[in-house]
Amino acid sequence: MEIFQIILFITVFLVIALAMFFRKIPAVIALPLMAFIIPLIGGVSLTDTIQLVVGEGSLKLHNAYTVALFGSMLSILLQKTGVAENFIKIGAELAGDNPWIIAVIMLSLITMLFTTLGGLGAIIMVATIVLPIMSSVGIGPMTVVGVFLFGLSMGGILNAGNWAVYVDVMGLTLDQIRPFALIMFGLTFITSLVYLTVQIYRDGHELNFTRIIIVSSIVFTILLVLYIMYSLLPIETQQMLKSWINFTGLILKYMIGTGISLLFIINIIRIFIRKKQELAAIHWTAYFTPLIPLFLILIFSMNFIAAFICGLVYGFMSTYRKGSLNMFIQSVFEGGAVVMPAVVLMLGIGMLLNAIIGPGESWSRFHAEGWPVLNLLRPVMMEIVPEHAISYVVIFGLAAPLALYRGPLNVWGMGYGLAAVFLASGMNAGAIMGLLLAVGQVQGISDPTNTHNVWLANEMQQNVQKILWNTIPYTWSLAFLGLFFSALIFM
C-alpha cells in the first residue's frame, strides 16, 4: 500500500508541477489542486484535508499578503502623486546611461541590504526604490526581476540569521559554515554577473564584453583581498573594528531618527501654512517617502505593517494639497486591487505548505505519530542518502528542481525535515548544509511559489512561470557547482 501511495504521490507532484512549468495550467488553480490531492494520497481524511489544509492553509501566509497589501497601497500612492515618476527621473540622471553598471550597482545594493534584512515587507520596500531606477535606463522587466532575485539570494547566503538552523539542528560551528557560505556567495556572484550580462545584451544594449570581464575580475579580486586581510588581522583588532562600526552605527541610528522626526514636523508645518494652496510642484520632502519605511524596518526593527502605515501617513503629508484625501483613499483601494493576483496565489502557496509539512499544532495535538505525508516520504528519502562524492553531486544535482513548488528539497517545504532524516542516517552535517545552500539557490531565485517571486512578477507585469524558465538554467548550474565544492570539502 505504501509503495502505491509513494508512486501516486510522486506522479501527482510531477504531473501538476510540469503542467505549471509548461504553463498548461495556471498556478492559481494548480497549487490548491496539488494541496488538496497530496494529503488524501497520504491518508488524511477528506474532512481534515478541507479544514486543516485548505481552510487553515489559506491563512498560513496571512502576514505576507497583509504586508503586500500595505506595500501596494504605498506604491500606488507614490505613482498617483507623481513622486515615483520624478524619483525615476532623478535616479536615471544620477545613475547615468550604462545599464550594465547600474544593474551591478543595484545588485550590490540589494545584496548588502539583505545580509541583514528579510521578509516580504523589506523586499517590497527595497524594490519600490530599486525597480524604477533599473527600468528607467532601459533594462527589461524580466532582467530587473532576475537581478533583484539574485541580489536577494546572495544577501541571504551571508545573512547570519539564516545560519542558525545549521548551528542549532546540525551542530555546526560558525567557522565550519562561514567558508562554504563565502564560496557559495562567490559562485552566485559570478553567476549573477553572467546572468545580467546575457540578459542586458538580450534586451538590445551594446556591451563591451572585454571591459566587463576586466572590471568584474578587478572587483572580485579586491573583495577577496579585503576579506583575506581582515581574516589575517589579530582577534583583538577585529573586535576593535567591530566595536567602532557598532558605535558609528549607533550614532547614525540617532541621527536618522532625528531626521525622520524633523521631516514629519516640516510637513505638518507645511500643511498648516499652505493647506488651501494647489501646488503642482512636488516638495523635496516627498522623495523620502520610500525611504521612511525602509529606515524604520532596517534601523529601528519596526513591524513591517506599522512601517508601511508610517510611510503611507508620511507620503500623504509630504504630498498634501487640495484633494489629497481623495487621492489617498483611491490609492488604498487601488493598491489592494493591484496586488490581489499575488494575494490569491499566496493563498494556494499556504495550502501547499500545510499539505506537505502539516498544519502544525492543530494536527500534532491529537496525532502524536506526526503528519502522514511526511511519514510516507521519510523512509524513501533515507534510501537515497549518497555515500560517495560523485553520487552526492549527481543525485542531488539532478534532483535540484525538487526544490521547486515546495518539493522535498525545498527548505520552506520539507527540506529541513529531510535534512534531519539525512542527519539521523549518518550523513555528514557539513554535506547536508552544503546541499541546502546549493540547492537553495534554485528555490530562492527560481521557485514560482516564493512570495517574493509572486510579488515581483505582479509588480513588473511578468508571468511568474516565465521567471522560472528565465532563471532555471543559471540556478541549476549553480546548484551543481555548489554541490561540487561541498563534496570536495565535506565528503
Protein backbone atom coordinates (compact mmCIF):
# COMPACT_ATOMS: atom_id res chain seq x y z
CA MET A 1 0.00 0.00 0.00
CA GLU A 2 2.79 2.43 0.93
CA ILE A 3 4.63 1.81 -2.35
CA PHE A 4 1.43 2.58 -4.26
CA GLN A 5 0.94 5.79 -2.22
CA ILE A 6 4.52 6.91 -2.88
CA ILE A 7 4.25 6.25 -6.64
CA LEU A 8 0.92 8.10 -6.74
CA PHE A 9 2.33 10.99 -4.69
CA ILE A 10 5.37 11.40 -7.00
CA THR A 11 3.16 11.10 -10.10
CA VAL A 12 0.72 13.78 -8.92
CA PHE A 13 3.55 16.10 -7.88
CA LEU A 14 5.42 15.74 -11.19
CA VAL A 15 2.32 15.98 -13.40
CA ILE A 16 1.00 19.15 -11.75
CA ALA A 17 4.47 20.72 -11.40
CA LEU A 18 5.24 20.06 -15.08
CA ALA A 19 1.80 21.37 -16.07
CA MET A 20 2.66 24.63 -14.29
CA PHE A 21 6.20 24.63 -15.67
CA PHE A 22 4.94 24.34 -19.26
CA ARG A 23 2.08 26.77 -18.50
CA LYS A 24 -0.68 24.27 -19.26
CA ILE A 25 -2.47 25.14 -16.04
CA PRO A 26 -2.24 28.41 -14.05
CA ALA A 27 -0.56 28.26 -10.65
CA VAL A 28 -3.60 29.82 -9.00
CA ILE A 29 -5.50 26.59 -9.78
CA ALA A 30 -2.62 24.09 -9.74
CA LEU A 31 -1.33 24.89 -6.23
CA PRO A 32 -4.66 24.40 -4.39
CA LEU A 33 -5.31 21.30 -6.51
CA MET A 34 -1.94 19.80 -5.53
CA ALA A 35 -2.54 20.80 -1.91
CA PHE A 36 -5.92 19.04 -1.94
CA ILE A 37 -4.77 15.77 -3.57
CA ILE A 38 -1.45 15.19 -1.72
CA PRO A 39 -2.89 14.77 1.82
CA LEU A 40 -5.63 12.47 0.53
CA ILE A 41 -2.96 10.22 -1.00
CA GLY A 42 -1.09 10.28 2.32
CA GLY A 43 -4.13 9.00 4.18
CA VAL A 44 -5.54 12.23 5.61
CA SER A 45 -9.32 12.23 5.76
CA LEU A 46 -11.37 14.43 3.44
CA THR A 47 -12.68 16.44 6.40
CA ASP A 48 -9.18 17.14 7.78
CA THR A 49 -7.91 17.98 4.29
CA ILE A 50 -10.64 20.57 3.78
CA GLN A 51 -10.38 22.06 7.27
CA LEU A 52 -6.66 21.85 8.06
CA VAL A 53 -5.05 22.05 4.62
CA VAL A 54 -7.44 24.18 2.56
CA GLY A 55 -9.01 26.17 5.41
CA GLU A 56 -6.05 26.80 7.71
CA GLY A 57 -3.57 26.75 4.83
CA SER A 58 -5.20 29.77 3.21
CA LEU A 59 -4.27 31.73 6.36
CA LYS A 60 -0.73 30.33 6.57
CA LEU A 61 0.83 33.35 4.83
CA HIS A 62 -1.55 35.94 6.28
CA ASN A 63 1.34 38.15 7.39
CA ALA A 64 2.96 38.04 3.93
CA TYR A 65 -0.13 39.04 1.98
CA THR A 66 -1.15 41.69 4.52
CA VAL A 67 2.29 43.26 4.14
CA ALA A 68 1.90 43.00 0.35
CA LEU A 69 -1.42 44.88 0.56
CA PHE A 70 0.08 47.78 2.51
CA GLY A 71 3.18 47.83 0.31
CA SER A 72 1.00 48.05 -2.78
CA MET A 73 -1.01 50.91 -1.26
CA LEU A 74 2.20 52.88 -0.74
CA SER A 75 3.38 52.07 -4.27
CA ILE A 76 0.12 53.34 -5.82
CA LEU A 77 0.23 56.48 -3.66
CA LEU A 78 3.74 57.23 -4.96
CA GLN A 79 2.52 56.77 -8.54
CA LYS A 80 -0.63 58.89 -8.18
CA THR A 81 1.17 61.79 -6.51
CA GLY A 82 3.91 61.85 -9.17
CA VAL A 83 6.66 61.06 -6.66
CA ALA A 84 7.52 57.74 -8.35
CA GLU A 85 7.84 59.34 -11.80
CA ASN A 86 10.09 62.13 -10.54
CA PHE A 87 12.06 59.67 -8.43
CA ILE A 88 12.74 57.59 -11.56
CA LYS A 89 13.91 60.68 -13.46
CA ILE A 90 16.26 61.72 -10.67
CA GLY A 91 17.56 58.15 -10.32
CA ALA A 92 18.19 57.91 -14.06
CA GLU A 93 20.05 61.24 -14.09
CA LEU A 94 22.25 60.25 -11.16
CA ALA A 95 22.87 56.72 -12.42
CA GLY A 96 23.95 57.70 -15.94
CA ASP A 97 23.20 55.71 -19.07
CA ASN A 98 25.22 52.50 -18.66
CA PRO A 99 22.66 49.78 -17.88
CA TRP A 100 25.30 47.15 -17.04
CA ILE A 101 27.00 49.34 -14.43
CA ILE A 102 23.64 50.35 -12.97
CA ALA A 103 22.50 46.71 -12.78
CA VAL A 104 25.72 45.73 -10.96
CA ILE A 105 25.35 48.65 -8.52
CA MET A 106 21.72 47.72 -7.81
CA LEU A 107 22.70 44.04 -7.45
CA SER A 108 25.36 45.01 -4.90
CA LEU A 109 22.97 47.31 -3.02
CA ILE A 110 20.28 44.62 -2.79
CA THR A 111 22.86 42.05 -1.65
CA MET A 112 24.21 44.36 1.04
CA LEU A 113 20.75 45.21 2.40
CA PHE A 114 19.55 41.61 2.58
CA THR A 115 22.55 40.41 4.55
CA THR A 116 20.56 41.87 7.46
CA LEU A 117 17.02 42.40 6.13
CA GLY A 118 14.46 39.68 5.48
CA GLY A 119 10.78 39.18 4.76
CA LEU A 120 8.39 40.33 2.07
CA GLY A 121 7.90 43.74 3.67
CA ALA A 122 11.58 44.61 3.32
CA ILE A 123 11.62 43.22 -0.22
CA ILE A 124 8.69 45.42 -1.25
CA MET A 125 10.27 48.48 0.31
CA VAL A 126 13.67 47.99 -1.35
CA ALA A 127 12.00 47.09 -4.66
CA THR A 128 9.99 50.32 -4.57
CA ILE A 129 13.29 52.19 -4.88
CA VAL A 130 15.40 49.82 -6.99
CA LEU A 131 12.98 48.57 -9.67
CA PRO A 132 12.11 52.01 -11.13
CA ILE A 133 15.79 53.01 -11.33
CA MET A 134 16.72 49.90 -13.33
CA SER A 135 13.64 50.24 -15.54
CA SER A 136 14.41 53.90 -16.26
CA VAL A 137 17.65 53.08 -18.12
CA GLY A 138 16.08 50.54 -20.46
CA ILE A 139 16.70 47.32 -18.53
CA GLY A 140 13.91 44.88 -19.44
CA PRO A 141 11.33 43.91 -16.79
CA MET A 142 12.41 40.25 -16.77
CA THR A 143 16.04 41.28 -16.28
CA VAL A 144 15.05 43.66 -13.48
CA VAL A 145 13.25 40.84 -11.65
CA GLY A 146 16.16 38.43 -12.19
CA VAL A 147 18.77 40.89 -10.91
CA PHE A 148 16.67 41.56 -7.82
CA LEU A 149 16.24 37.83 -7.13
CA PHE A 150 19.97 37.13 -7.49
CA GLY A 151 20.80 40.02 -5.14
CA LEU A 152 18.22 38.81 -2.65
CA SER A 153 19.64 35.29 -2.74
CA MET A 154 23.26 36.46 -2.33
CA GLY A 155 22.29 38.58 0.66
CA GLY A 156 20.52 35.56 2.15
CA ILE A 157 23.67 33.42 1.83
CA LEU A 158 25.60 35.86 4.05
CA ASN A 159 22.67 36.60 6.39
CA ALA A 160 23.88 35.13 9.70
CA GLY A 161 20.27 34.76 10.84
CA ASN A 162 19.83 32.07 8.20
CA TRP A 163 22.76 30.11 9.65
CA ALA A 164 21.00 29.49 12.97
CA VAL A 165 19.38 26.25 11.79
CA TYR A 166 22.77 24.80 10.83
CA VAL A 167 24.11 25.61 14.29
CA ASP A 168 21.05 24.52 16.29
CA VAL A 169 19.94 21.45 14.32
CA MET A 170 23.17 20.14 12.78
CA GLY A 171 25.64 21.13 15.48
CA LEU A 172 27.92 23.02 13.09
CA THR A 173 30.06 25.95 14.23
CA LEU A 174 30.25 29.33 12.51
CA ASP A 175 33.83 28.52 11.49
CA GLN A 176 32.50 25.49 9.58
CA ILE A 177 29.62 27.39 7.97
CA ARG A 178 31.40 30.62 7.01
CA PRO A 179 33.98 29.26 4.49
CA PHE A 180 31.41 27.36 2.44
CA ALA A 181 28.92 30.25 2.63
CA LEU A 182 31.61 32.53 1.17
CA ILE A 183 32.36 30.00 -1.60
CA MET A 184 28.63 29.83 -2.38
CA PHE A 185 28.45 33.63 -2.34
CA GLY A 186 31.35 33.86 -4.81
CA LEU A 187 29.77 31.30 -7.15
CA THR A 188 26.42 33.09 -7.01
CA PHE A 189 28.07 36.47 -7.61
CA ILE A 190 29.84 35.20 -10.74
CA THR A 191 26.63 33.52 -11.97
CA SER A 192 24.65 36.71 -11.38
CA LEU A 193 27.16 38.73 -13.43
CA VAL A 194 26.86 36.23 -16.28
CA TYR A 195 23.06 36.37 -15.99
CA LEU A 196 22.72 40.15 -16.06
CA THR A 197 25.30 40.47 -18.87
CA VAL A 198 23.42 37.98 -21.08
CA GLN A 199 20.05 39.49 -20.20
CA ILE A 200 21.09 43.10 -20.84
CA TYR A 201 22.55 42.02 -24.19
CA ARG A 202 19.23 40.29 -25.00
CA ASP A 203 17.42 43.50 -24.01
CA GLY A 204 19.13 45.15 -27.00
CA HIS A 205 22.02 47.01 -25.34
CA GLU A 206 25.52 47.03 -26.81
CA LEU A 207 28.11 45.75 -24.35
CA ASN A 208 31.90 45.81 -24.22
CA PHE A 209 32.46 42.23 -23.03
CA THR A 210 36.24 42.60 -22.64
CA ARG A 211 35.80 45.59 -20.35
CA ILE A 212 33.08 43.79 -18.38
CA ILE A 213 35.34 40.78 -17.76
CA ILE A 214 38.24 43.02 -16.67
CA VAL A 215 36.09 45.17 -14.35
CA SER A 216 34.40 42.10 -12.83
CA SER A 217 37.76 40.41 -12.21
CA ILE A 218 39.18 43.53 -10.55
CA VAL A 219 36.15 43.98 -8.27
CA PHE A 220 36.11 40.32 -7.28
CA THR A 221 39.87 40.36 -6.59
CA ILE A 222 39.60 43.49 -4.42
CA LEU A 223 36.78 41.94 -2.37
CA LEU A 224 38.75 38.72 -1.94
CA VAL A 225 41.91 40.58 -0.87
CA LEU A 226 39.95 42.70 1.64
CA TYR A 227 38.40 39.59 3.17
CA ILE A 228 41.78 37.81 3.41
CA MET A 229 43.35 40.91 5.01
CA TYR A 230 40.52 41.10 7.54
CA SER A 231 40.85 37.37 8.32
CA LEU A 232 44.60 37.78 8.96
CA LEU A 233 44.07 40.59 11.48
CA PRO A 234 44.52 39.67 15.17
CA ILE A 235 41.29 38.87 17.03
CA GLU A 236 41.74 41.99 19.20
CA THR A 237 41.96 44.22 16.10
CA GLN A 238 38.86 42.58 14.60
CA GLN A 239 36.98 43.20 17.85
CA MET A 240 38.09 46.85 17.85
CA LEU A 241 36.87 47.28 14.27
CA LYS A 242 33.51 45.70 15.16
CA SER A 243 33.18 47.97 18.21
CA TRP A 244 33.96 51.04 16.12
CA ILE A 245 31.42 50.00 13.47
CA ASN A 246 28.77 49.38 16.16
CA PHE A 247 29.44 52.79 17.75
CA THR A 248 29.25 54.52 14.36
CA GLY A 249 26.02 52.66 13.63
CA LEU A 250 24.51 53.83 16.92
CA ILE A 251 25.33 57.46 16.11
CA LEU A 252 23.81 57.06 12.62
CA LYS A 253 20.70 55.49 14.16
CA TYR A 254 20.07 58.53 16.37
CA MET A 255 20.85 60.91 13.50
CA ILE A 256 18.40 59.15 11.17
CA GLY A 257 15.75 59.02 13.91
CA THR A 258 16.14 62.76 14.46
CA GLY A 259 15.99 63.36 10.70
CA ILE A 260 12.75 61.39 10.32
CA SER A 261 11.18 63.33 13.20
CA LEU A 262 12.22 66.64 11.61
CA LEU A 263 10.75 65.59 8.25
CA PHE A 264 7.38 64.87 9.89
CA ILE A 265 7.49 68.24 11.71
CA ILE A 266 8.37 70.12 8.49
CA ASN A 267 5.43 68.54 6.67
CA ILE A 268 2.99 69.27 9.49
CA ILE A 269 4.04 72.94 9.38
CA ARG A 270 3.70 72.96 5.56
CA ILE A 271 0.15 71.58 5.75
CA PHE A 272 -0.99 74.35 8.10
CA ILE A 273 0.77 77.13 6.18
CA ARG A 274 -0.29 76.11 2.64
CA LYS A 275 -3.33 73.88 3.18
CA LYS A 276 -5.53 75.85 0.75
CA GLN A 277 -2.94 76.22 -1.99
CA GLU A 278 -2.94 73.93 -5.05
CA LEU A 279 0.76 73.33 -5.55
CA ALA A 280 1.73 71.45 -8.71
CA ALA A 281 5.40 71.01 -7.78
CA ILE A 282 6.37 68.10 -5.55
CA HIS A 283 8.05 69.23 -2.33
CA TRP A 284 11.55 67.86 -1.73
CA THR A 285 10.46 66.07 1.45
CA ALA A 286 8.19 63.77 -0.62
CA TYR A 287 11.22 62.00 -2.11
CA PHE A 288 11.97 60.50 1.32
CA THR A 289 8.64 58.61 1.29
CA PRO A 290 10.04 55.24 0.07
CA LEU A 291 12.98 55.56 2.48
CA ILE A 292 10.91 56.15 5.64
CA PRO A 293 9.59 52.55 5.95
CA LEU A 294 12.97 51.15 4.89
CA PHE A 295 14.81 53.01 7.67
CA LEU A 296 12.13 52.12 10.23
CA ILE A 297 12.48 48.42 9.34
CA LEU A 298 16.26 48.27 8.85
CA ILE A 299 17.46 50.52 11.67
CA PHE A 300 14.64 50.55 14.23
CA SER A 301 13.36 46.97 13.68
CA MET A 302 9.78 48.21 13.39
CA ASN A 303 6.98 45.81 12.46
CA PHE A 304 6.59 45.74 8.66
CA ILE A 305 2.92 46.72 8.60
CA ALA A 306 3.49 49.53 11.11
CA ALA A 307 6.40 50.80 8.99
CA PHE A 308 4.26 50.84 5.83
CA ILE A 309 1.48 52.69 7.65
CA CYS A 310 4.05 55.29 8.75
CA GLY A 311 5.18 55.50 5.13
CA LEU A 312 1.60 56.00 3.94
CA VAL A 313 0.98 58.74 6.52
CA TYR A 314 4.27 60.45 5.64
CA GLY A 315 3.53 60.16 1.90
CA PHE A 316 0.11 61.75 2.42
CA MET A 317 1.58 64.59 4.49
CA SER A 318 4.54 65.31 2.20
CA THR A 319 2.35 65.49 -0.93
CA TYR A 320 -0.58 67.24 0.75
CA ARG A 321 -2.62 69.64 -1.36
CA LYS A 322 -6.28 70.22 -2.13
CA GLY A 323 -7.90 66.87 -2.99
CA SER A 324 -5.13 64.81 -1.39
CA LEU A 325 -7.52 62.89 0.87
CA ASN A 326 -9.49 61.55 -2.11
CA MET A 327 -6.26 60.55 -3.83
CA PHE A 328 -5.10 58.81 -0.65
CA ILE A 329 -8.34 56.79 -0.39
CA GLN A 330 -8.14 55.86 -4.09
CA SER A 331 -4.56 54.67 -3.55
CA VAL A 332 -5.66 52.44 -0.67
CA PHE A 333 -8.43 50.80 -2.74
CA GLU A 334 -6.39 50.52 -5.95
CA GLY A 335 -3.39 49.20 -4.04
CA GLY A 336 -5.49 46.31 -2.79
CA ALA A 337 -6.84 45.60 -6.27
CA VAL A 338 -3.42 45.68 -7.97
CA VAL A 339 -1.85 43.16 -5.60
CA MET A 340 -4.85 40.81 -5.44
CA PRO A 341 -3.49 38.31 -8.06
CA ALA A 342 -0.40 37.87 -5.87
CA VAL A 343 -2.53 37.52 -2.73
CA VAL A 344 -4.68 34.80 -4.33
CA LEU A 345 -1.53 32.91 -5.33
CA MET A 346 -0.23 33.18 -1.76
CA LEU A 347 -3.43 31.52 -0.54
CA GLY A 348 -2.57 28.50 -2.70
CA ILE A 349 1.05 28.51 -1.51
CA GLY A 350 -0.13 28.41 2.11
CA MET A 351 -2.39 25.45 1.34
CA LEU A 352 0.51 23.59 -0.30
CA LEU A 353 2.74 24.28 2.71
CA ASN A 354 0.16 22.72 5.04
CA ALA A 355 -0.25 19.79 2.64
CA ILE A 356 3.49 18.98 2.64
CA ILE A 357 4.71 19.79 6.17
CA GLY A 358 1.39 19.58 8.02
CA PRO A 359 -0.83 22.15 9.74
CA GLY A 360 1.22 22.17 12.93
CA GLU A 361 -0.30 22.13 16.40
CA SER A 362 -3.89 21.68 15.22
CA TRP A 363 -2.83 18.22 13.94
CA SER A 364 0.01 17.20 16.29
CA ARG A 365 -2.12 17.87 19.38
CA PHE A 366 -4.28 14.86 18.52
CA HIS A 367 -1.87 12.80 16.37
CA ALA A 368 1.43 12.08 18.10
CA GLU A 369 2.63 9.98 15.15
CA GLY A 370 3.01 13.12 13.01
CA TRP A 371 1.79 14.25 9.58
CA PRO A 372 1.07 11.27 7.25
CA VAL A 373 2.66 12.85 4.15
CA LEU A 374 6.00 13.35 5.93
CA ASN A 375 5.81 9.87 7.47
CA LEU A 376 5.29 8.43 3.99
CA LEU A 377 8.25 10.22 2.41
CA ARG A 378 10.91 9.88 5.14
CA PRO A 379 11.75 6.18 4.54
CA VAL A 380 12.10 6.81 0.80
CA MET A 381 14.48 9.71 1.37
CA MET A 382 16.63 7.66 3.75
CA GLU A 383 17.22 5.17 0.93
CA ILE A 384 18.82 7.77 -1.35
CA VAL A 385 21.48 9.04 1.07
CA PRO A 386 24.71 9.11 -1.03
CA GLU A 387 27.91 7.64 0.38
CA HIS A 388 30.42 8.98 -2.17
CA ALA A 389 31.24 12.45 -3.51
CA ILE A 390 30.30 11.65 -7.12
CA SER A 391 26.91 10.17 -6.20
CA TYR A 392 26.32 13.15 -3.86
CA VAL A 393 26.85 15.65 -6.70
CA VAL A 394 24.98 13.63 -9.36
CA ILE A 395 21.95 12.61 -7.26
CA PHE A 396 21.29 15.97 -5.63
CA GLY A 397 22.32 17.92 -8.73
CA LEU A 398 19.78 16.10 -10.88
CA ALA A 399 17.22 16.33 -8.07
CA ALA A 400 17.74 20.10 -7.58
CA PRO A 401 14.42 21.01 -9.31
CA LEU A 402 12.68 19.17 -6.44
CA ALA A 403 13.33 22.39 -4.52
CA LEU A 404 10.61 23.99 -6.69
CA TYR A 405 6.89 24.04 -5.88
CA ARG A 406 7.50 23.19 -2.20
CA GLY A 407 9.06 19.89 -3.21
CA PRO A 408 11.13 17.58 -0.96
CA LEU A 409 14.32 19.66 -1.25
CA ASN A 410 12.58 22.99 -0.61
CA VAL A 411 13.64 24.38 2.78
CA TRP A 412 10.23 26.02 3.11
CA GLY A 413 8.57 22.72 2.27
CA MET A 414 10.01 19.60 3.90
CA GLY A 415 13.67 20.45 3.26
CA TYR A 416 14.70 20.90 6.90
CA GLY A 417 12.72 17.81 7.87
CA LEU A 418 14.57 15.92 5.16
CA ALA A 419 17.86 17.30 6.49
CA ALA A 420 17.02 15.82 9.89
CA VAL A 421 16.38 12.44 8.22
CA PHE A 422 19.75 12.59 6.42
CA LEU A 423 21.47 13.57 9.68
CA ALA A 424 19.87 10.64 11.51
CA SER A 425 21.05 8.28 8.76
CA GLY A 426 24.68 9.27 9.39
CA MET A 427 25.27 11.76 6.57
CA ASN A 428 27.94 14.40 7.26
CA ALA A 429 26.35 17.56 8.74
CA GLY A 430 28.54 19.80 6.58
CA ALA A 431 27.45 17.96 3.44
CA ILE A 432 23.79 18.49 4.42
CA MET A 433 24.45 22.21 4.89
CA GLY A 434 26.20 22.31 1.50
CA LEU A 435 23.23 20.54 -0.07
CA LEU A 436 20.70 23.00 1.38
CA LEU A 437 22.76 26.07 0.44
CA ALA A 438 23.49 24.85 -3.10
CA VAL A 439 20.02 23.59 -3.97
CA GLY A 440 18.56 26.52 -2.05
CA GLN A 441 19.57 28.84 -4.90
CA VAL A 442 17.14 27.03 -7.21
CA GLN A 443 14.40 27.61 -4.66
CA GLY A 444 15.36 31.14 -3.63
CA ILE A 445 15.67 32.53 -7.16
CA SER A 446 13.52 30.39 -9.45
CA ASP A 447 10.65 28.96 -7.38
CA PRO A 448 7.27 30.36 -8.55
CA THR A 449 5.78 29.64 -5.12
CA ASN A 450 8.07 32.14 -3.35
CA THR A 451 6.02 35.08 -2.12
CA HIS A 452 8.74 37.47 -3.33
CA ASN A 453 8.72 35.91 -6.82
CA VAL A 454 4.94 36.28 -6.93
CA TRP A 455 5.05 39.91 -5.80
CA LEU A 456 7.91 40.90 -8.14
CA ALA A 457 6.20 39.20 -11.11
CA ASN A 458 2.99 41.05 -10.31
CA GLU A 459 4.78 44.38 -9.86
CA MET A 460 6.72 44.10 -13.15
CA GLN A 461 3.76 42.53 -15.00
CA GLN A 462 5.61 39.30 -15.75
CA ASN A 463 4.37 35.71 -15.62
CA VAL A 464 5.86 34.03 -12.56
CA GLN A 465 6.37 30.82 -14.58
CA LYS A 466 8.40 32.76 -17.17
CA ILE A 467 10.72 33.89 -14.38
CA LEU A 468 11.32 30.20 -13.63
CA TRP A 469 12.10 29.49 -17.30
CA ASN A 470 14.40 32.51 -17.45
CA THR A 471 16.47 31.74 -14.34
CA ILE A 472 16.50 27.93 -14.02
CA PRO A 473 19.47 27.34 -16.41
CA TYR A 474 21.60 29.56 -14.17
CA THR A 475 20.35 28.36 -10.78
CA TRP A 476 20.50 24.67 -11.72
CA SER A 477 24.10 25.12 -12.92
CA LEU A 478 24.82 27.00 -9.69
CA ALA A 479 23.41 24.09 -7.67
CA PHE A 480 25.78 21.66 -9.42
CA LEU A 481 28.76 23.96 -8.76
CA GLY A 482 27.81 24.37 -5.10
CA LEU A 483 27.40 20.61 -4.66
CA PHE A 484 30.78 20.03 -6.32
CA PHE A 485 32.59 22.31 -3.84
CA SER A 486 30.56 20.90 -0.96
CA ALA A 487 31.65 17.38 -1.95
CA LEU A 488 35.30 18.49 -2.10
CA ILE A 489 35.12 19.94 1.40
CA PHE A 490 32.77 17.62 3.30
CA MET A 491 32.55 14.23 1.56
